[in-house]
Amino acid sequence: MTPRTTRLALVLAFLVGLLVFQLWLLGGALELALGGTPGALVPIVVVSGLCFVCAWGLLRTIRGRAA
């Protein structure tokens, strides 16, 4: 593997991990919302937003290196 493909594989692995973590957060948020404790949803939304920003940044690094 070349260093470029190694970096790409590493970034994609982090992206997959972030997406799995966001799905886990979604399940927790649904459980809290249906359980009647909507006040605990704010931290979950904040963490999910941070995951989105991280994933967006990782995708921008991939796009920047491909050009």
PDB file of N, CA and C in Angstrom:
ATOM      1  N   MET A   1       0.830  -1.179   0.000  1.00  0.00           N
ATOM      2  CA  MET A   1       0.000   0.000   0.000  1.00  0.00           C
ATOM      3  C   MET A   1       0.880   1.250   0.000  1.00  0.00           C
ATOM      4  N   THR A   2       0.443   2.209  -0.727  1.00  0.00           N
ATOM      5  CA  THR A   2       1.158   3.480  -0.722  1.00  0.00           C
ATOM      6  C   THR A   2       0.716   4.292   0.491  1.00  0.00           C
ATOM      7  N   PRO A   3       1.511   5.272   0.878  1.00  0.00           N
ATOM      8  CA  PRO A   3       1.112   6.092   2.033  1.00  0.00           C
ATOM      9  C   PRO A   3      -0.223   6.806   1.826  1.00  0.00           C
ATOM     10  N   ARG A   4      -0.521   7.159   0.577  1.00  0.00           N
ATOM     11  CA  ARG A   4      -1.785   7.853   0.304  1.00  0.00           C
ATOM     12  C   ARG A   4      -2.981   6.931   0.541  1.00  0.00           C
ATOM     13  N   THR A   5      -2.892   5.710   0.084  1.00  0.00           N
ATOM     14  CA  THR A   5      -4.012   4.787   0.296  1.00  0.00           C
ATOM     15  C   THR A   5      -4.115   4.384   1.767  1.00  0.00           C
ATOM     16  N   THR A   6      -2.989   4.344   2.452  1.00  0.00           N
ATOM     17  CA  THR A   6      -3.022   4.040   3.878  1.00  0.00           C
ATOM     18  C   THR A   6      -3.747   5.141   4.634  1.00  0.00           C
ATOM     19  N   ARG A   7      -3.447   6.397   4.295  1.00  0.00           N
ATOM     20  CA  ARG A   7      -4.146   7.516   4.934  1.00  0.00           C
ATOM     21  C   ARG A   7      -5.639   7.490   4.612  1.00  0.00           C
ATOM     22  N   LEU A   8      -5.954   7.183   3.371  1.00  0.00           N
ATOM     23  CA  LEU A   8      -7.352   7.123   2.971  1.00  0.00           C
ATOM     24  C   LEU A   8      -8.095   6.031   3.733  1.00  0.00           C
ATOM     25  N   ALA A   9      -7.472   4.880   3.879  1.00  0.00           N
ATOM     26  CA  ALA A   9      -8.097   3.783   4.626  1.00  0.00           C
ATOM     27  C   ALA A   9      -8.291   4.158   6.091  1.00  0.00           C
ATOM     28  N   LEU A  10      -7.319   4.860   6.662  1.00  0.00           N
ATOM     29  CA  LEU A  10      -7.432   5.283   8.055  1.00  0.00           C
ATOM     30  C   LEU A  10      -8.556   6.294   8.240  1.00  0.00           C
ATOM     31  N   VAL A  11      -8.655   7.254   7.331  1.00  0.00           N
ATOM     32  CA  VAL A  11      -9.725   8.252   7.415  1.00  0.00           C
ATOM     33  C   VAL A  11     -11.086   7.584   7.243  1.00  0.00           C
ATOM     34  N   LEU A  12     -11.192   6.665   6.316  1.00  0.00           N
ATOM     35  CA  LEU A  12     -12.470   5.965   6.119  1.00  0.00           C
ATOM     36  C   LEU A  12     -12.838   5.110   7.332  1.00  0.00           C
ATOM     37  N   ALA A  13     -11.838   4.520   7.980  1.00  0.00           N
ATOM     38  CA  ALA A  13     -12.111   3.745   9.192  1.00  0.00           C
ATOM     39  C   ALA A  13     -12.636   4.656  10.306  1.00  0.00           C
ATOM     40  N   PHE A  14     -12.052   5.841  10.449  1.00  0.00           N
ATOM     41  CA  PHE A  14     -12.556   6.788  11.439  1.00  0.00           C
ATOM     42  C   PHE A  14     -13.971   7.237  11.096  1.00  0.00           C
ATOM     43  N   LEU A  15     -14.242   7.450   9.819  1.00  0.00           N
ATOM     44  CA  LEU A  15     -15.592   7.839   9.408  1.00  0.00           C
ATOM     45  C   LEU A  15     -16.614   6.765   9.743  1.00  0.00           C
ATOM     46  N   VAL A  16     -16.267   5.533   9.482  1.00  0.00           N
ATOM     47  CA  VAL A  16     -17.184   4.433   9.808  1.00  0.00           C
ATOM     48  C   VAL A  16     -17.414   4.376  11.315  1.00  0.00           C
ATOM     49  N   GLY A  17     -16.348   4.548  12.087  1.00  0.00           N
ATOM     50  CA  GLY A  17     -16.496   4.557  13.541  1.00  0.00           C
ATOM     51  C   GLY A  17     -17.387   5.690  14.023  1.00  0.00           C
ATOM     52  N   LEU A  18     -17.215   6.874  13.445  1.00  0.00           N
ATOM     53  CA  LEU A  18     -18.065   8.003  13.815  1.00  0.00           C
ATOM     54  C   LEU A  18     -19.523   7.749  13.466  1.00  0.00           C
ATOM     55  N   LEU A  19     -19.765   7.166  12.309  1.00  0.00           N
ATOM     56  CA  LEU A  19     -21.143   6.894  11.905  1.00  0.00           C
ATOM     57  C   LEU A  19     -21.797   5.841  12.786  1.00  0.00           C
ATOM     58  N   VAL A  20     -21.042   4.829  13.166  1.00  0.00           N
ATOM     59  CA  VAL A  20     -21.580   3.810  14.074  1.00  0.00           C
ATOM     60  C   VAL A  20     -21.895   4.438  15.429  1.00  0.00           C
ATOM     61  N   PHE A  21     -21.004   5.320  15.895  1.00  0.00           N
ATOM     62  CA  PHE A  21     -21.233   6.001  17.158  1.00  0.00           C
ATOM     63  C   PHE A  21     -22.474   6.884  17.087  1.00  0.00           C
ATOM     64  N   GLN A  22     -22.683   7.562  15.962  1.00  0.00           N
ATOM     65  CA  GLN A  22     -23.878   8.392  15.804  1.00  0.00           C
ATOM     66  C   GLN A  22     -25.146   7.543  15.774  1.00  0.00           C
ATOM     67  N   LEU A  23     -25.085   6.388  15.164  1.00  0.00           N
ATOM     68  CA  LEU A  23     -26.253   5.494  15.193  1.00  0.00           C
ATOM     69  C   LEU A  23     -26.548   5.028  16.614  1.00  0.00           C
ATOM     70  N   TRP A  24     -25.495   4.771  17.383  1.00  0.00           N
ATOM     71  CA  TRP A  24     -25.669   4.381  18.776  1.00  0.00           C
ATOM     72  C   TRP A  24     -26.303   5.527  19.566  1.00  0.00           C
ATOM     73  N   LEU A  25     -25.854   6.758  19.298  1.00  0.00           N
ATOM     74  CA  LEU A  25     -26.446   7.925  19.942  1.00  0.00           C
ATOM     75  C   LEU A  25     -27.920   8.084  19.564  1.00  0.00           C
ATOM     76  N   LEU A  26     -28.232   7.828  18.310  1.00  0.00           N
ATOM     77  CA  LEU A  26     -29.624   7.921  17.871  1.00  0.00           C
ATOM     78  C   LEU A  26     -30.501   6.933  18.632  1.00  0.00           C
ATOM     79  N   GLY A  27     -30.013   5.730  18.798  1.00  0.00           N
ATOM     80  CA  GLY A  27     -30.773   4.737  19.568  1.00  0.00           C
ATOM     81  C   GLY A  27     -30.979   5.169  21.006  1.00  0.00           C
ATOM     82  N   GLY A  28     -29.943   5.731  21.603  1.00  0.00           N
ATOM     83  CA  GLY A  28     -30.077   6.238  22.973  1.00  0.00           C
ATOM     84  C   GLY A  28     -31.036   7.399  23.060  1.00  0.00           C
ATOM     85  N   ALA A  29     -30.994   8.288  22.074  1.00  0.00           N
ATOM     86  CA  ALA A  29     -31.899   9.434  22.069  1.00  0.00           C
ATOM     87  C   ALA A  29     -33.347   8.983  21.924  1.00  0.00           C
ATOM     88  N   LEU A  30     -33.575   8.022  21.067  1.00  0.00           N
ATOM     89  CA  LEU A  30     -34.936   7.507  20.907  1.00  0.00           C
ATOM     90  C   LEU A  30     -35.432   6.840  22.180  1.00  0.00           C
ATOM     91  N   GLU A  31     -34.548   6.103  22.826  1.00  0.00           N
ATOM     92  CA  GLU A  31     -34.936   5.443  24.072  1.00  0.00           C
ATOM     93  C   GLU A  31     -35.282   6.469  25.151  1.00  0.00           C
ATOM     94  N   LEU A  32     -34.476   7.544  25.235  1.00  0.00           N
ATOM     95  CA  LEU A  32     -34.767   8.584  26.221  1.00  0.00           C
ATOM     96  C   LEU A  32     -36.050   9.332  25.887  1.00  0.00           C
ATOM     97  N   ALA A  33     -36.251   9.637  24.624  1.00  0.00           N
ATOM     98  CA  ALA A  33     -37.441  10.385  24.230  1.00  0.00           C
ATOM     99  C   ALA A  33     -38.710   9.568  24.469  1.00  0.00           C
ATOM    100  N   LEU A  34     -38.659   8.294  24.126  1.00  0.00           N
ATOM    101  CA  LEU A  34     -39.834   7.453  24.325  1.00  0.00           C
ATOM    102  C   LEU A  34     -40.034   7.085  25.790  1.00  0.00           C
ATOM    103  N   GLY A  35     -38.951   7.153  26.570  1.00  0.00           N
ATOM    104  CA  GLY A  35     -39.054   6.841  27.993  1.00  0.00           C
ATOM    105  C   GLY A  35     -39.574   7.995  28.824  1.00  0.00           C
ATOM    106  N   GLY A  36     -39.653   9.173  28.229  1.00  0.00           N
ATOM    107  CA  GLY A  36     -40.219  10.300  28.949  1.00  0.00           C
ATOM    108  C   GLY A  36     -39.207  11.216  29.605  1.00  0.00           C
ATOM    109  N   THR A  37     -37.935  11.146  29.228  1.00  0.00           N
ATOM    110  CA  THR A  37     -36.921  12.047  29.791  1.00  0.00           C
ATOM    111  C   THR A  37     -36.292  12.867  28.662  1.00  0.00           C
ATOM    112  N   PRO A  38     -37.048  13.825  28.122  1.00  0.00           N
ATOM    113  CA  PRO A  38     -36.515  14.598  26.996  1.00  0.00           C
ATOM    114  C   PRO A  38     -35.429  15.593  27.403  1.00  0.00           C
ATOM    115  N   GLY A  39     -35.275  15.890  28.687  1.00  0.00           N
ATOM    116  CA  GLY A  39     -34.250  16.833  29.128  1.00  0.00           C
ATOM    117  C   GLY A  39     -32.844  16.332  28.899  1.00  0.00           C
ATOM    118  N   ALA A  40     -32.664  15.032  28.835  1.00  0.00           N
ATOM    119  CA  ALA A  40     -31.330  14.459  28.634  1.00  0.00           C
ATOM    120  C   ALA A  40     -30.948  14.410  27.159  1.00  0.00           C
ATOM    121  N   LEU A  41     -31.804  14.890  26.293  1.00  0.00           N
ATOM    122  CA  LEU A  41     -31.513  14.829  24.862  1.00  0.00           C
ATOM    123  C   LEU A  41     -30.519  15.900  24.416  1.00  0.00           C
ATOM    124  N   VAL A  42     -30.429  16.994  25.164  1.00  0.00           N
ATOM    125  CA  VAL A  42     -29.551  18.100  24.749  1.00  0.00           C
ATOM    126  C   VAL A  42     -28.092  17.660  24.659  1.00  0.00           C
ATOM    127  N   PRO A  43     -27.524  16.967  25.659  1.00  0.00           N
ATOM    128  CA  PRO A  43     -26.131  16.524  25.505  1.00  0.00           C
ATOM    129  C   PRO A  43     -25.938  15.559  24.337  1.00  0.00           C
ATOM    130  N   ILE A  44     -26.923  14.730  24.076  1.00  0.00           N
ATOM    131  CA  ILE A  44     -26.809  13.795  22.959  1.00  0.00           C
ATOM    132  C   ILE A  44     -26.786  14.539  21.634  1.00  0.00           C
ATOM    133  N   VAL A  45     -27.621  15.564  21.526  1.00  0.00           N
ATOM    134  CA  VAL A  45     -27.645  16.362  20.293  1.00  0.00           C
ATOM    135  C   VAL A  45     -26.322  17.089  20.100  1.00  0.00           C
ATOM    136  N   VAL A  46     -25.745  17.601  21.180  1.00  0.00           N
ATOM    137  CA  VAL A  46     -24.461  18.308  21.091  1.00  0.00           C
ATOM    138  C   VAL A  46     -23.346  17.355  20.647  1.00  0.00           C
ATOM    139  N   VAL A  47     -23.289  16.180  21.246  1.00  0.00           N
ATOM    140  CA  VAL A  47     -22.252  15.209  20.878  1.00  0.00           C
ATOM    141  C   VAL A  47     -22.446  14.735  19.444  1.00  0.00           C
ATOM    142  N   SER A  48     -23.681  14.543  19.043  1.00  0.00           N
ATOM    143  CA  SER A  48     -23.945  14.134  17.667  1.00  0.00           C
ATOM    144  C   SER A  48     -23.521  15.234  16.691  1.00  0.00           C
ATOM    145  N   GLY A  49     -23.750  16.478  17.058  1.00  0.00           N
ATOM    146  CA  GLY A  49     -23.294  17.591  16.220  1.00  0.00           C
ATOM    147  C   GLY A  49     -21.786  17.641  16.111  1.00  0.00           C
ATOM    148  N   LEU A  50     -21.087  17.370  17.211  1.00  0.00           N
ATOM    149  CA  LEU A  50     -19.627  17.318  17.169  1.00  0.00           C
ATOM    150  C   LEU A  50     -19.136  16.183  16.268  1.00  0.00           C
ATOM    151  N   CYS A  51     -19.820  15.053  16.332  1.00  0.00           N
ATOM    152  CA  CYS A  51     -19.465  13.937  15.447  1.00  0.00           C
ATOM    153  C   CYS A  51     -19.661  14.330  13.988  1.00  0.00           C
ATOM    154  N   PHE A  52     -20.738  15.058  13.707  1.00  0.00           N
ATOM    155  CA  PHE A  52     -20.989  15.514  12.346  1.00  0.00           C
ATOM    156  C   PHE A  52     -19.883  16.446  11.867  1.00  0.00           C
ATOM    157  N   VAL A  53     -19.476  17.379  12.720  1.00  0.00           N
ATOM    158  CA  VAL A  53     -18.421  18.319  12.341  1.00  0.00           C
ATOM    159  C   VAL A  53     -17.108  17.577  12.096  1.00  0.00           C
ATOM    160  N   CYS A  54     -16.794  16.598  12.932  1.00  0.00           N
ATOM    161  CA  CYS A  54     -15.574  15.805  12.739  1.00  0.00           C
ATOM    162  C   CYS A  54     -15.632  15.019  11.430  1.00  0.00           C
ATOM    163  N   ALA A  55     -16.768  14.407  11.155  1.00  0.00           N
ATOM    164  CA  ALA A  55     -16.910  13.642   9.913  1.00  0.00           C
ATOM    165  C   ALA A  55     -16.816  14.561   8.699  1.00  0.00           C
ATOM    166  N   TRP A  56     -17.398  15.741   8.793  1.00  0.00           N
ATOM    167  CA  TRP A  56     -17.326  16.705   7.693  1.00  0.00           C
ATOM    168  C   TRP A  56     -15.884  17.144   7.454  1.00  0.00           C
ATOM    169  N   GLY A  57     -15.153  17.366   8.542  1.00  0.00           N
ATOM    170  CA  GLY A  57     -13.743  17.730   8.412  1.00  0.00           C
ATOM    171  C   GLY A  57     -12.924  16.613   7.790  1.00  0.00           C
ATOM    172  N   LEU A  58     -13.193  15.387   8.181  1.00  0.00           N
ATOM    173  CA  LEU A  58     -12.470  14.255   7.590  1.00  0.00           C
ATOM    174  C   LEU A  58     -12.780  14.127   6.097  1.00  0.00           C
ATOM    175  N   LEU A  59     -14.033  14.324   5.726  1.00  0.00           N
ATOM    176  CA  LEU A  59     -14.388  14.255   4.322  1.00  0.00           C
ATOM    177  C   LEU A  59     -13.726  15.382   3.512  1.00  0.00           C
ATOM    178  N   ARG A  60     -13.581  16.536   4.126  1.00  0.00           N
ATOM    179  CA  ARG A  60     -12.908  17.648   3.447  1.00  0.00           C
ATOM    180  C   ARG A  60     -11.428  17.335   3.235  1.00  0.00           C
ATOM    181  N   THR A  61     -10.796  16.631   4.189  1.00  0.00           N
ATOM    182  CA  THR A  61      -9.386  16.280   4.003  1.00  0.00           C
ATOM    183  C   THR A  61      -9.240  15.282   2.858  1.00  0.00           C
ATOM    184  N   ILE A  62     -10.177  14.357   2.750  1.00  0.00           N
ATOM    185  CA  ILE A  62     -10.119  13.404   1.639  1.00  0.00           C
ATOM    186  C   ILE A  62     -10.280  14.137   0.313  1.00  0.00           C
ATOM    187  N   ARG A  63     -11.259  15.019   0.263  1.00  0.00           N
ATOM    188  CA  ARG A  63     -11.522  15.741  -0.981  1.00  0.00           C
ATOM    189  C   ARG A  63     -10.356  16.645  -1.352  1.00  0.00           C
ATOM    190  N   GLY A  64      -9.724  17.258  -0.361  1.00  0.00           N
ATOM    191  CA  GLY A  64      -8.593  18.129  -0.630  1.00  0.00           C
ATOM    192  C   GLY A  64      -7.380  17.372  -1.165  1.00  0.00           C
ATOM    193  N   ARG A  65      -7.176  16.153  -0.686  1.00  0.00           N
ATOM    194  CA  ARG A  65      -6.020  15.367  -1.138  1.00  0.00           C
ATOM    195  C   ARG A  65      -6.265  14.719  -2.492  1.00  0.00           C
ATOM    196  N   ALA A  66      -7.543  14.518  -2.845  1.00  0.00           N
ATOM    197  CA  ALA A  66      -7.840  13.873  -4.123  1.00  0.00           C
ATOM    198  C   ALA A  66      -7.642  14.826  -5.306  1.00  0.00           C
ATOM    199  N   ALA A  67      -7.713  16.122  -5.027  1.00  0.00           N
ATOM    200  CA  ALA A  67      -7.604  17.111  -6.108  1.00  0.00           C
ATOM    201  C   ALA A  67      -6.200  17.328  -6.572  1.00  0.00           C
TER     202      ALA A  67
END
